[in-house]
Amino acid sequence: MEIRTRFAPSPTGYMHIGNLRTALYEYLIAKSQGGKFILRIEDTDQERYVEGAADIIYNTLKMTGLHHDEGPDVGGAFGPYVQSERMGMYMDYAKELVEKGEAYYCFCTKERLEALKATKGEAFAKYDRHCYHLPQEEVQAKLAAGEPFVIRQKMPDEGTTVFQDMVYGEITVENKELDDQILMKADGFPTYNFANVVDDHLMKITHVVRGSEYLSSTPKYNLLYQAFGWEAPVYVHLPAVMRDAHHKLSKRHGDKSFEDLVKEGYLVEAIVNYIALLGWSPSDNTEIFSLKELEERFDIAGLSKSPAIFDIKKLTWMNGEYLKAMDFEKFYALSQPKLKEALGETSLDCRKIAALLQKRLETLNDIPALVAFFKELPVYGTKLYTHKKMKTNDAIALTSLEAAIPVLKGLADWNETSIHDNLIALVGEMGIKNGQLLWPVRTALSGEPVSPGGAIELADILGKEESISRLEKGISLLRQEETK
C-alpha cells in the first residue's frame, strides 16, 4: 500500500509554527516510506478566509523544500485539491447517510437553539434531537417548502468508540458523550469535520497527522468512516507546541510565525531542522539534520506525547551552527543585502567583511549592527581602552597608539601580512604584550566594545588613510581624558 499523507491548511492567515511542524511531519512520514505528500486547501470556512493566505501556504512549502506531489498548483489524479471547488459532492454524501439512517435533517432555528441553551444552562451539553423525531412527511414538507436546514450525524446512544493512535495509543470514548455534529451547514457548505473525512477517503489518504486537540473529535471521524463502510486511516496526533509550560504558541500573544523568523534573519534550513525536533527525537543525540537526512532518519516511533516548548535560544544557537557550516559563497550572497543596508554603496571589500562575520553570527539580522562602524566611527568613551585581560588602560593605550601611527604610515604595502608583521615587530621593540598594542588599535578602529575581527583585519579592510585617521582620533580622545 502506498503511503499518502496530506497537509490540509485553511487559508486564514500566516503559517504558525504548529502548522509548519504538522506539514513537516506529514512530509517526512510519506517520504521516509517512499510515499506521496499531498496539499489540499480547506477553504469551506468562508468567514475566516483571508485574501492572499493561500499564497503564503504555497510560498512556505516552496521555501522549506516540502514539495507536494499533488495539489491545487501541481494537479494530480484526485483533484480538485481546493475544497470550495469540490462543493457538489458533499451534499450527495450527506444525503447518502440520511438514507442509511446515519444522519438526519435538522430545521431548528438559531433562536430555538439559543433558547434551549439558555433554559438548560450548564446542563446543555448537546443537541436534544428535536428534529430527529420529526415524522418523515413533515421533513419532506419542510424540504419542499425550502425551509433552511442542516444535516446532523446520528451518534450511537450506547457503547464506546475505540481507535488506535500512533502516538497516544488506544483511545476509548463513551458514545453517549458525543453530540450529533453538523455535517452540512445551512449555507450548503460542509463542516470541516465532514469534508475532511470525505476528501481523505476519496484522495486515498492513509495517514492523518494533526494536533492532539483533535483527539476528542476522532471518534466522530471514525463513526463517519463506519457509517460509509470505509476504512479509517492511521491516526498520528501531535502534542502541542508551547511558549512555556503553561501556554501554547499564539500569534495573538506575540509568538512568531515562520515568516516572522525568516524576517528576523533565521535560515529556512535551521528553522525546519529545529521544528523537526519539537516533538520528535532520533535514536541517537544528533541535532543537526538536512531535510534529506530527516527523510532518511524520520520514524513515527520517535514522536513524543509530551508538549514541546519552543526555545528561541536553541533555535538561535542552531542557526549560528548553520551559518558557520555554510559554503562561503552562499553565505556571502545571503549577507549582501544586510551589508548594503548597513554600509550603502561602499568601496570597502565586503567579501572580507563577510568572512569576518560568518563564524560570529547568530542570525543574518545581526549584520547591520556589527558592521555599522565600518561606515562611520561611533562616538565612544575611553573606558573601552581599559581591558583587564589585555592589561591595558588609558595610559598604555595612548602610548601604543602614538607608537603605531608612524609604523603604519611607513607601510608601502597595505595588507594583512604587512600590517601584522610590522605591528608584532613593534610589540617586541616596546617590550609589551601583544594585546597591549592590538587592543587599543582595534578599539580606535571600531569604537566598539567588540568587533568582528581584530586590529589587523579591521585595518586591512578600512584602508591606510581611514585607519590612521581613526587612530589619530583615538589619541585625541585619550589626551583629552588625560588633561581632565
Protein backbone atom coordinates (compact mmCIF):
# COMPACT_ATOMS: atom_id res chain seq x y z
CA MET A 1 0.00 0.00 0.00
CA GLU A 2 1.34 3.42 -0.96
CA ILE A 3 1.66 5.81 1.99
CA ARG A 4 -0.29 9.01 1.28
CA THR A 5 -0.32 11.95 3.70
CA ARG A 6 -1.91 15.34 3.24
CA PHE A 7 -1.33 18.82 4.56
CA ALA A 8 -4.75 20.48 4.64
CA PRO A 9 -4.44 24.04 5.95
CA SER A 10 -7.17 26.66 5.96
CA PRO A 11 -6.22 29.93 4.21
CA THR A 12 -6.85 32.06 7.29
CA GLY A 13 -3.56 33.95 7.69
CA TYR A 14 0.09 33.34 8.47
CA MET A 15 1.81 29.94 8.79
CA HIS A 16 2.31 29.38 12.51
CA ILE A 17 4.95 27.04 13.88
CA GLY A 18 2.49 24.29 14.81
CA ASN A 19 1.10 24.27 11.26
CA LEU A 20 4.53 24.05 9.72
CA ARG A 21 5.54 21.23 12.08
CA THR A 22 2.42 19.27 11.06
CA ALA A 23 3.27 19.76 7.38
CA LEU A 24 6.87 18.69 8.01
CA TYR A 25 5.90 15.50 9.84
CA GLU A 26 3.34 14.62 7.16
CA TYR A 27 6.00 15.16 4.51
CA LEU A 28 8.55 13.05 6.41
CA ILE A 29 6.12 10.19 7.12
CA ALA A 30 5.42 9.96 3.40
CA LYS A 31 8.94 10.46 2.09
CA SER A 32 10.61 8.19 4.67
CA GLN A 33 8.47 5.34 3.27
CA GLY A 34 8.55 6.25 -0.41
CA GLY A 35 5.03 7.68 -0.32
CA LYS A 36 3.19 10.77 -1.58
CA PHE A 37 2.68 14.12 0.16
CA ILE A 38 -0.48 15.96 -0.89
CA LEU A 39 -1.54 19.58 -0.40
CA ARG A 40 -5.25 20.31 -0.01
CA ILE A 41 -6.64 23.78 0.70
CA GLU A 42 -9.60 23.62 3.09
CA ASP A 43 -11.47 26.86 2.49
CA THR A 44 -15.02 25.93 3.48
CA ASP A 45 -14.95 28.32 6.45
CA GLN A 46 -15.65 31.39 4.35
CA GLU A 47 -15.96 33.74 7.36
CA ARG A 48 -12.31 33.19 8.30
CA TYR A 49 -10.93 33.27 4.75
CA VAL A 50 -8.05 35.74 4.32
CA GLU A 51 -7.11 37.04 0.88
CA GLY A 52 -3.57 36.02 -0.04
CA ALA A 53 -3.31 33.36 2.67
CA ALA A 54 -3.17 30.54 0.10
CA ASP A 55 -0.10 32.19 -1.44
CA ILE A 56 1.57 32.15 1.98
CA ILE A 57 0.96 28.40 2.14
CA TYR A 58 2.44 27.80 -1.33
CA ASN A 59 5.44 30.04 -0.67
CA THR A 60 6.18 28.47 2.71
CA LEU A 61 6.15 24.93 1.33
CA LYS A 62 8.38 26.03 -1.55
CA MET A 63 10.83 27.84 0.72
CA THR A 64 11.11 24.92 3.14
CA GLY A 65 11.55 22.32 0.41
CA LEU A 66 8.37 20.44 1.36
CA HIS A 67 7.43 19.83 -2.25
CA HIS A 68 3.99 18.27 -2.61
CA ASP A 69 3.34 15.54 -5.17
CA GLU A 70 -0.29 16.59 -5.70
CA GLY A 71 -2.11 19.84 -5.02
CA PRO A 72 -4.02 22.80 -6.45
CA ASP A 73 -0.96 24.21 -8.19
CA VAL A 74 0.54 20.95 -9.47
CA GLY A 75 -2.57 18.87 -10.14
CA GLY A 76 -2.99 15.15 -9.60
CA ALA A 77 -5.38 12.25 -10.10
CA PHE A 78 -7.64 13.09 -7.14
CA GLY A 79 -8.43 16.78 -7.69
CA PRO A 80 -9.74 19.34 -7.33
CA TYR A 81 -7.50 19.98 -4.31
CA VAL A 82 -9.41 23.06 -3.07
CA GLN A 83 -12.49 22.18 -1.03
CA SER A 84 -14.66 25.00 -2.35
CA GLU A 85 -14.13 23.53 -5.84
CA ARG A 86 -15.45 20.15 -4.63
CA MET A 87 -18.75 21.51 -3.34
CA GLY A 88 -21.10 19.39 -5.44
CA MET A 89 -20.17 16.09 -3.83
CA TYR A 90 -20.52 16.82 -0.10
CA MET A 91 -24.31 17.17 -0.09
CA ASP A 92 -24.64 13.92 -2.02
CA TYR A 93 -22.56 12.07 0.57
CA ALA A 94 -24.52 13.65 3.42
CA LYS A 95 -27.82 12.60 1.84
CA GLU A 96 -26.44 9.08 1.46
CA LEU A 97 -26.01 8.99 5.24
CA VAL A 98 -29.57 10.29 5.71
CA GLU A 99 -30.87 7.43 3.55
CA LYS A 100 -28.85 4.97 5.65
CA GLY A 101 -30.28 6.34 8.88
CA GLU A 102 -26.85 7.59 9.96
CA ALA A 103 -27.79 11.28 9.64
CA TYR A 104 -30.94 13.46 9.62
CA TYR A 105 -32.25 16.85 8.57
CA CYS A 106 -32.44 19.50 11.30
CA PHE A 107 -34.61 22.61 10.82
CA CYS A 108 -34.03 24.16 14.27
CA THR A 109 -33.52 27.90 14.12
CA LYS A 110 -30.68 29.69 15.78
CA GLU A 111 -33.25 31.23 18.16
CA ARG A 112 -34.54 27.81 19.28
CA LEU A 113 -31.03 26.52 19.95
CA GLU A 114 -30.11 29.64 21.91
CA ALA A 115 -33.33 29.40 23.94
CA LEU A 116 -32.60 25.73 24.65
CA LYS A 117 -29.14 26.59 25.82
CA ALA A 118 -30.44 29.42 27.99
CA THR A 119 -33.06 27.15 29.57
CA LYS A 120 -30.69 24.27 30.34
CA GLY A 121 -27.67 26.39 31.21
CA GLU A 122 -24.66 24.29 32.09
CA ALA A 123 -26.70 21.13 31.58
CA PHE A 124 -26.86 21.90 27.83
CA ALA A 125 -24.15 19.57 26.57
CA LYS A 126 -25.53 18.57 23.19
CA TYR A 127 -28.43 18.91 20.77
CA ASP A 128 -31.74 17.44 22.02
CA ARG A 129 -32.57 15.63 18.74
CA HIS A 130 -35.82 17.53 18.31
CA CYS A 131 -35.71 17.17 14.52
CA TYR A 132 -34.58 13.54 14.60
CA HIS A 133 -38.04 12.65 15.85
CA LEU A 134 -39.94 14.58 13.15
CA PRO A 135 -42.27 12.40 11.03
CA GLN A 136 -40.93 11.75 7.54
CA GLU A 137 -43.91 13.54 5.99
CA GLU A 138 -43.13 16.71 7.94
CA VAL A 139 -39.47 16.53 6.93
CA GLN A 140 -40.41 16.24 3.26
CA ALA A 141 -42.89 19.13 3.56
CA LYS A 142 -40.26 21.38 5.11
CA LEU A 143 -37.76 20.48 2.39
CA ALA A 144 -40.36 21.11 -0.32
CA ALA A 145 -41.16 24.48 1.23
CA GLY A 146 -37.48 25.45 1.06
CA GLU A 147 -37.00 25.79 4.82
CA PRO A 148 -33.34 26.21 5.82
CA PHE A 149 -31.76 23.06 7.23
CA VAL A 150 -28.55 21.47 8.38
CA ILE A 151 -27.72 17.78 8.27
CA ARG A 152 -26.61 16.21 11.55
CA GLN A 153 -24.79 12.95 12.16
CA LYS A 154 -26.75 10.45 14.27
CA MET A 155 -24.43 9.31 17.04
CA PRO A 156 -24.94 5.95 18.77
CA ASP A 157 -26.55 6.21 22.22
CA GLU A 158 -24.73 3.30 23.81
CA GLY A 159 -21.36 1.60 23.82
CA THR A 160 -17.94 3.03 23.11
CA THR A 161 -15.86 4.05 20.14
CA VAL A 162 -12.25 2.85 20.26
CA PHE A 163 -9.42 3.91 18.00
CA GLN A 164 -5.67 3.48 17.92
CA ASP A 165 -3.35 6.46 17.70
CA MET A 166 0.32 6.06 16.76
CA VAL A 167 1.42 8.48 19.47
CA TYR A 168 -1.18 8.19 22.26
CA GLY A 169 -2.08 4.52 21.89
CA GLU A 170 -5.61 3.22 22.34
CA ILE A 171 -8.30 5.84 22.98
CA THR A 172 -11.79 4.93 24.18
CA VAL A 173 -14.77 7.33 24.25
CA GLU A 174 -18.27 6.78 25.59
CA ASN A 175 -20.68 7.27 22.69
CA LYS A 176 -23.30 8.91 24.92
CA GLU A 177 -20.91 11.84 25.31
CA LEU A 178 -20.85 12.57 21.58
CA ASP A 179 -23.01 15.35 20.17
CA ASP A 180 -24.92 14.93 16.90
CA GLN A 181 -22.45 17.06 14.97
CA ILE A 182 -23.49 19.09 11.94
CA LEU A 183 -22.23 17.70 8.64
CA MET A 184 -23.76 20.22 6.21
CA LYS A 185 -24.40 23.81 7.22
CA ALA A 186 -27.44 25.89 6.27
CA ASP A 187 -25.38 27.76 3.65
CA GLY A 188 -24.77 24.48 1.81
CA PHE A 189 -21.13 24.25 2.87
CA PRO A 190 -19.83 21.14 4.63
CA THR A 191 -18.35 21.44 8.09
CA TYR A 192 -14.62 20.94 8.49
CA ASN A 193 -15.04 17.51 10.09
CA PHE A 194 -17.31 16.16 7.36
CA ALA A 195 -15.41 17.48 4.34
CA ASN A 196 -12.21 16.23 5.92
CA VAL A 197 -13.42 12.64 6.09
CA VAL A 198 -14.93 12.62 2.58
CA ASP A 199 -11.85 14.15 0.99
CA ASP A 200 -9.39 11.94 2.87
CA HIS A 201 -11.26 8.86 1.69
CA LEU A 202 -11.54 9.99 -1.93
CA MET A 203 -7.88 11.02 -2.03
CA LYS A 204 -6.82 7.66 -0.54
CA ILE A 205 -5.09 9.27 2.44
CA THR A 206 -3.50 6.56 4.57
CA HIS A 207 -2.10 8.62 7.48
CA VAL A 208 -3.83 11.60 9.08
CA VAL A 209 -1.47 13.80 11.09
CA ARG A 210 -2.88 16.61 13.22
CA GLY A 211 -2.71 18.28 16.62
CA SER A 212 -3.71 16.46 19.80
CA GLU A 213 -6.61 18.91 20.23
CA TYR A 214 -8.40 16.79 17.59
CA LEU A 215 -8.23 13.61 19.68
CA SER A 216 -11.71 14.33 21.06
CA SER A 217 -13.11 14.69 17.52
CA THR A 218 -11.58 11.50 16.19
CA PRO A 219 -14.39 9.17 17.41
CA LYS A 220 -16.79 11.24 15.28
CA TYR A 221 -14.47 10.79 12.30
CA ASN A 222 -14.32 7.05 12.89
CA LEU A 223 -18.10 6.77 13.18
CA LEU A 224 -18.40 8.53 9.82
CA TYR A 225 -15.98 6.06 8.25
CA GLN A 226 -18.04 3.22 9.73
CA ALA A 227 -21.31 4.74 8.51
CA PHE A 228 -19.97 4.89 4.95
CA GLY A 229 -18.33 1.47 5.19
CA TRP A 230 -14.90 2.98 4.52
CA GLU A 231 -11.55 2.03 6.05
CA ALA A 232 -10.28 4.60 8.56
CA PRO A 233 -6.75 5.97 8.14
CA VAL A 234 -3.84 5.64 10.54
CA TYR A 235 -4.02 8.46 13.10
CA VAL A 236 -0.96 10.39 14.29
CA HIS A 237 -1.87 13.08 16.83
CA LEU A 238 0.85 15.53 17.79
CA PRO A 239 1.36 17.22 21.16
CA ALA A 240 1.07 20.99 21.33
CA VAL A 241 3.93 23.40 20.67
CA MET A 242 4.20 25.60 23.75
CA ARG A 243 5.66 29.02 24.54
CA ASP A 244 6.27 27.82 28.09
CA ALA A 245 4.98 25.10 30.42
CA HIS A 246 1.51 26.63 30.57
CA HIS A 247 0.84 28.49 27.29
CA LYS A 248 0.57 27.34 23.69
CA LEU A 249 2.27 29.35 20.99
CA SER A 250 -0.11 32.05 19.81
CA LYS A 251 0.29 34.89 17.33
CA ARG A 252 -2.18 36.87 19.44
CA HIS A 253 0.33 36.79 22.28
CA GLY A 254 3.23 37.91 20.12
CA ASP A 255 4.67 34.50 19.29
CA LYS A 256 6.48 34.27 15.99
CA SER A 257 5.24 32.75 12.75
CA PHE A 258 7.50 31.14 10.16
CA GLU A 259 7.52 34.38 8.18
CA ASP A 260 8.50 36.35 11.29
CA LEU A 261 11.50 34.10 11.90
CA VAL A 262 12.70 34.45 8.31
CA LYS A 263 12.36 38.24 8.54
CA GLU A 264 14.39 38.17 11.75
CA GLY A 265 17.31 36.60 9.94
CA TYR A 266 16.87 32.90 10.69
CA LEU A 267 17.77 30.49 7.91
CA VAL A 268 14.95 28.40 6.49
CA GLU A 269 17.07 25.23 6.81
CA ALA A 270 17.72 25.91 10.50
CA ILE A 271 14.03 26.61 11.18
CA VAL A 272 12.99 23.34 9.53
CA ASN A 273 15.70 21.42 11.40
CA TYR A 274 14.65 22.91 14.75
CA ILE A 275 10.92 22.38 14.17
CA ALA A 276 11.59 18.71 13.33
CA LEU A 277 12.91 18.28 16.88
CA LEU A 278 9.82 19.83 18.50
CA GLY A 279 8.21 16.54 19.45
CA TRP A 280 10.47 14.07 17.63
CA SER A 281 13.79 12.58 18.73
CA PRO A 282 16.17 10.45 16.68
CA SER A 283 17.54 7.24 18.16
CA ASP A 284 20.84 8.98 18.91
CA ASN A 285 21.64 12.51 20.09
CA THR A 286 22.09 14.04 16.64
CA GLU A 287 20.66 17.55 16.40
CA ILE A 288 21.74 18.90 13.01
CA PHE A 289 19.88 17.40 10.04
CA SER A 290 19.41 18.42 6.45
CA LEU A 291 15.93 17.82 5.05
CA LYS A 292 17.33 14.87 3.08
CA GLU A 293 18.77 13.39 6.26
CA LEU A 294 15.45 13.88 8.02
CA GLU A 295 13.72 11.97 5.22
CA GLU A 296 16.13 9.09 5.79
CA ARG A 297 16.03 9.13 9.60
CA PHE A 298 12.44 10.03 10.49
CA ASP A 299 10.41 7.38 12.29
CA ILE A 300 6.93 7.74 13.83
CA ALA A 301 8.22 5.78 16.84
CA GLY A 302 10.35 8.79 17.74
CA LEU A 303 7.33 11.06 18.28
CA SER A 304 6.63 12.15 21.85
CA LYS A 305 3.37 12.53 23.78
CA SER A 306 4.76 15.46 25.76
CA PRO A 307 4.18 19.06 24.65
CA ALA A 308 7.23 20.64 23.04
CA ILE A 309 8.45 24.03 24.24
CA PHE A 310 9.63 26.41 21.52
CA ASP A 311 13.01 27.69 22.72
CA ILE A 312 14.16 30.68 20.69
CA LYS A 313 17.63 30.42 22.27
CA LYS A 314 18.03 26.87 20.99
CA LEU A 315 16.89 27.93 17.52
CA THR A 316 19.33 30.84 17.61
CA TRP A 317 22.20 28.51 18.55
CA MET A 318 21.25 26.12 15.76
CA ASN A 319 21.02 28.99 13.27
CA GLY A 320 24.55 30.04 14.19
CA GLU A 321 25.78 26.50 13.58
CA TYR A 322 24.20 26.53 10.14
CA LEU A 323 25.84 29.86 9.31
CA LYS A 324 29.27 28.63 10.39
CA ALA A 325 29.00 25.46 8.31
CA MET A 326 27.64 27.18 5.20
CA ASP A 327 29.60 27.39 1.97
CA PHE A 328 31.15 30.86 1.97
CA GLU A 329 29.80 31.84 -1.45
CA LYS A 330 26.27 31.03 -0.30
CA PHE A 331 26.83 32.91 2.94
CA TYR A 332 28.22 35.92 1.09
CA ALA A 333 25.18 36.01 -1.20
CA LEU A 334 22.83 35.89 1.82
CA SER A 335 24.79 38.57 3.69
CA GLN A 336 24.99 41.10 0.83
CA PRO A 337 21.52 42.67 1.36
CA LYS A 338 22.28 43.23 5.05
CA LEU A 339 25.76 44.60 4.30
CA LYS A 340 24.28 47.03 1.79
CA GLU A 341 21.62 48.04 4.33
CA ALA A 342 24.37 48.98 6.80
CA LEU A 343 27.11 50.29 4.51
CA GLY A 344 25.28 51.56 1.44
CA GLU A 345 27.41 51.94 -1.66
CA THR A 346 30.94 51.39 -0.40
CA SER A 347 34.45 50.83 -1.71
CA LEU A 348 35.22 48.54 1.23
CA ASP A 349 35.86 44.88 0.46
CA CYS A 350 32.56 43.33 1.53
CA ARG A 351 33.85 39.82 0.94
CA LYS A 352 36.47 40.35 3.62
CA ILE A 353 33.84 41.77 5.96
CA ALA A 354 31.58 38.77 5.30
CA ALA A 355 34.46 36.39 6.03
CA LEU A 356 34.92 38.04 9.43
CA LEU A 357 31.21 37.76 10.18
CA GLN A 358 30.48 34.17 9.20
CA LYS A 359 31.82 32.46 12.33
CA ARG A 360 30.47 35.12 14.67
CA LEU A 361 26.82 35.50 13.67
CA GLU A 362 23.69 34.08 15.27
CA THR A 363 21.26 35.50 12.70
CA LEU A 364 21.59 37.46 9.46
CA ASN A 365 19.86 40.39 11.14
CA ASP A 366 22.87 40.78 13.44
CA ILE A 367 24.94 42.02 10.49
CA PRO A 368 23.96 45.72 10.29
CA ALA A 369 24.74 46.46 13.94
CA LEU A 370 28.02 44.54 13.79
CA VAL A 371 29.38 46.35 10.72
CA ALA A 372 27.97 49.87 11.11
CA PHE A 373 31.32 51.14 12.47
CA PHE A 374 32.96 50.44 9.08
CA LYS A 375 30.83 53.20 7.59
CA GLU A 376 31.08 55.66 10.45
CA LEU A 377 33.12 55.61 13.62
CA PRO A 378 30.68 55.80 16.54
CA VAL A 379 31.04 58.17 19.45
CA TYR A 380 32.73 56.23 22.24
CA GLY A 381 34.38 56.78 25.60
CA THR A 382 37.92 55.95 26.70
CA LYS A 383 36.65 53.25 29.06
CA LEU A 384 36.79 50.90 26.08
CA TYR A 385 40.58 51.11 26.15
CA THR A 386 40.76 49.57 29.60
CA HIS A 387 40.72 45.78 29.41
CA LYS A 388 41.82 43.66 32.35
CA LYS A 389 42.70 40.56 30.32
CA MET A 390 44.64 42.61 27.75
CA LYS A 391 46.38 44.51 30.58
CA THR A 392 45.51 47.89 29.08
CA ASN A 393 44.40 51.24 30.45
CA ASP A 394 44.22 54.78 29.10
CA ALA A 395 47.94 55.47 29.56
CA ILE A 396 49.08 52.25 27.90
CA ALA A 397 46.58 52.74 25.07
CA LEU A 398 47.81 56.27 24.40
CA THR A 399 51.46 55.15 24.28
CA SER A 400 50.61 52.24 21.98
CA LEU A 401 48.59 54.32 19.52
CA GLU A 402 51.27 57.01 19.36
CA ALA A 403 53.86 54.32 18.58
CA ALA A 404 51.67 52.57 16.00
CA ILE A 405 50.93 55.57 13.78
CA PRO A 406 54.44 56.16 12.38
CA VAL A 407 54.88 52.43 11.77
CA LEU A 408 51.60 52.23 9.85
CA LYS A 409 52.29 55.43 7.94
CA GLY A 410 55.56 53.94 6.76
CA LEU A 411 53.99 50.86 5.19
CA ALA A 412 54.40 50.73 1.42
CA ASP A 413 52.14 47.67 1.07
CA TRP A 414 48.85 47.81 2.98
CA ASN A 415 47.68 44.25 3.55
CA GLU A 416 47.09 41.88 6.45
CA THR A 417 50.56 40.32 6.31
CA SER A 418 52.39 43.64 6.24
CA ILE A 419 50.22 45.17 8.98
CA HIS A 420 50.60 42.07 11.17
CA ASP A 421 54.37 41.72 10.79
CA ASN A 422 55.10 45.37 11.47
CA LEU A 423 52.77 45.71 14.47
CA ILE A 424 54.09 42.49 16.06
CA ALA A 425 57.65 43.77 15.48
CA LEU A 426 56.63 46.98 17.26
CA VAL A 427 55.34 44.92 20.22
CA GLY A 428 58.80 43.34 20.51
CA GLU A 429 60.56 46.72 20.36
CA MET A 430 58.28 48.15 23.06
CA GLY A 431 58.63 45.08 25.29
CA ILE A 432 54.88 44.76 25.84
CA LYS A 433 52.23 42.08 25.39
CA ASN A 434 50.51 41.71 22.01
CA GLY A 435 47.16 42.75 23.47
CA GLN A 436 48.61 45.97 24.89
CA LEU A 437 49.11 47.21 21.36
CA LEU A 438 46.44 45.37 19.39
CA TRP A 439 43.54 46.07 21.77
CA PRO A 440 43.99 49.86 21.65
CA VAL A 441 44.39 49.75 17.85
CA ARG A 442 41.24 47.62 17.49
CA THR A 443 39.31 49.95 19.80
CA ALA A 444 40.38 53.07 17.92
CA LEU A 445 39.46 51.50 14.58
CA SER A 446 36.00 50.30 15.65
CA GLY A 447 34.86 52.44 18.60
CA GLU A 448 33.02 49.32 19.77
CA PRO A 449 33.50 47.07 22.81
CA VAL A 450 33.53 44.05 20.48
CA SER A 451 34.01 43.76 16.74
CA PRO A 452 34.04 41.07 14.04
CA GLY A 453 37.77 40.85 13.63
CA GLY A 454 40.79 42.23 15.42
CA ALA A 455 43.07 45.18 14.82
CA ILE A 456 44.89 43.70 11.82
CA GLU A 457 41.78 42.59 9.91
CA LEU A 458 39.98 45.89 10.57
CA ALA A 459 42.93 47.99 9.47
CA ASP A 460 43.28 45.96 6.28
CA ILE A 461 39.59 46.48 5.40
CA LEU A 462 39.38 50.17 6.38
CA GLY A 463 42.50 51.06 4.39
CA LYS A 464 45.57 53.10 5.28
CA GLU A 465 44.12 56.61 5.23
CA GLU A 466 40.97 55.82 7.23
CA SER A 467 42.85 53.64 9.71
CA ILE A 468 45.42 56.31 10.52
CA SER A 469 42.66 58.93 10.77
CA ARG A 470 40.82 56.80 13.35
CA LEU A 471 43.97 56.15 15.36
CA GLU A 472 44.61 59.90 15.49
CA LYS A 473 41.04 60.44 16.74
CA GLY A 474 41.73 57.84 19.44
CA ILE A 475 44.88 59.64 20.51
CA SER A 476 42.99 62.96 20.66
CA LEU A 477 40.26 61.37 22.79
CA LEU A 478 42.79 59.84 25.21
CA ARG A 479 44.73 63.11 25.53
CA GLN A 480 41.52 64.99 26.31
CA GLU A 481 40.74 62.48 29.02
CA GLU A 482 44.30 62.76 30.35
CA THR A 483 44.01 66.52 30.83
CA LYS A 484 40.73 66.34 32.81
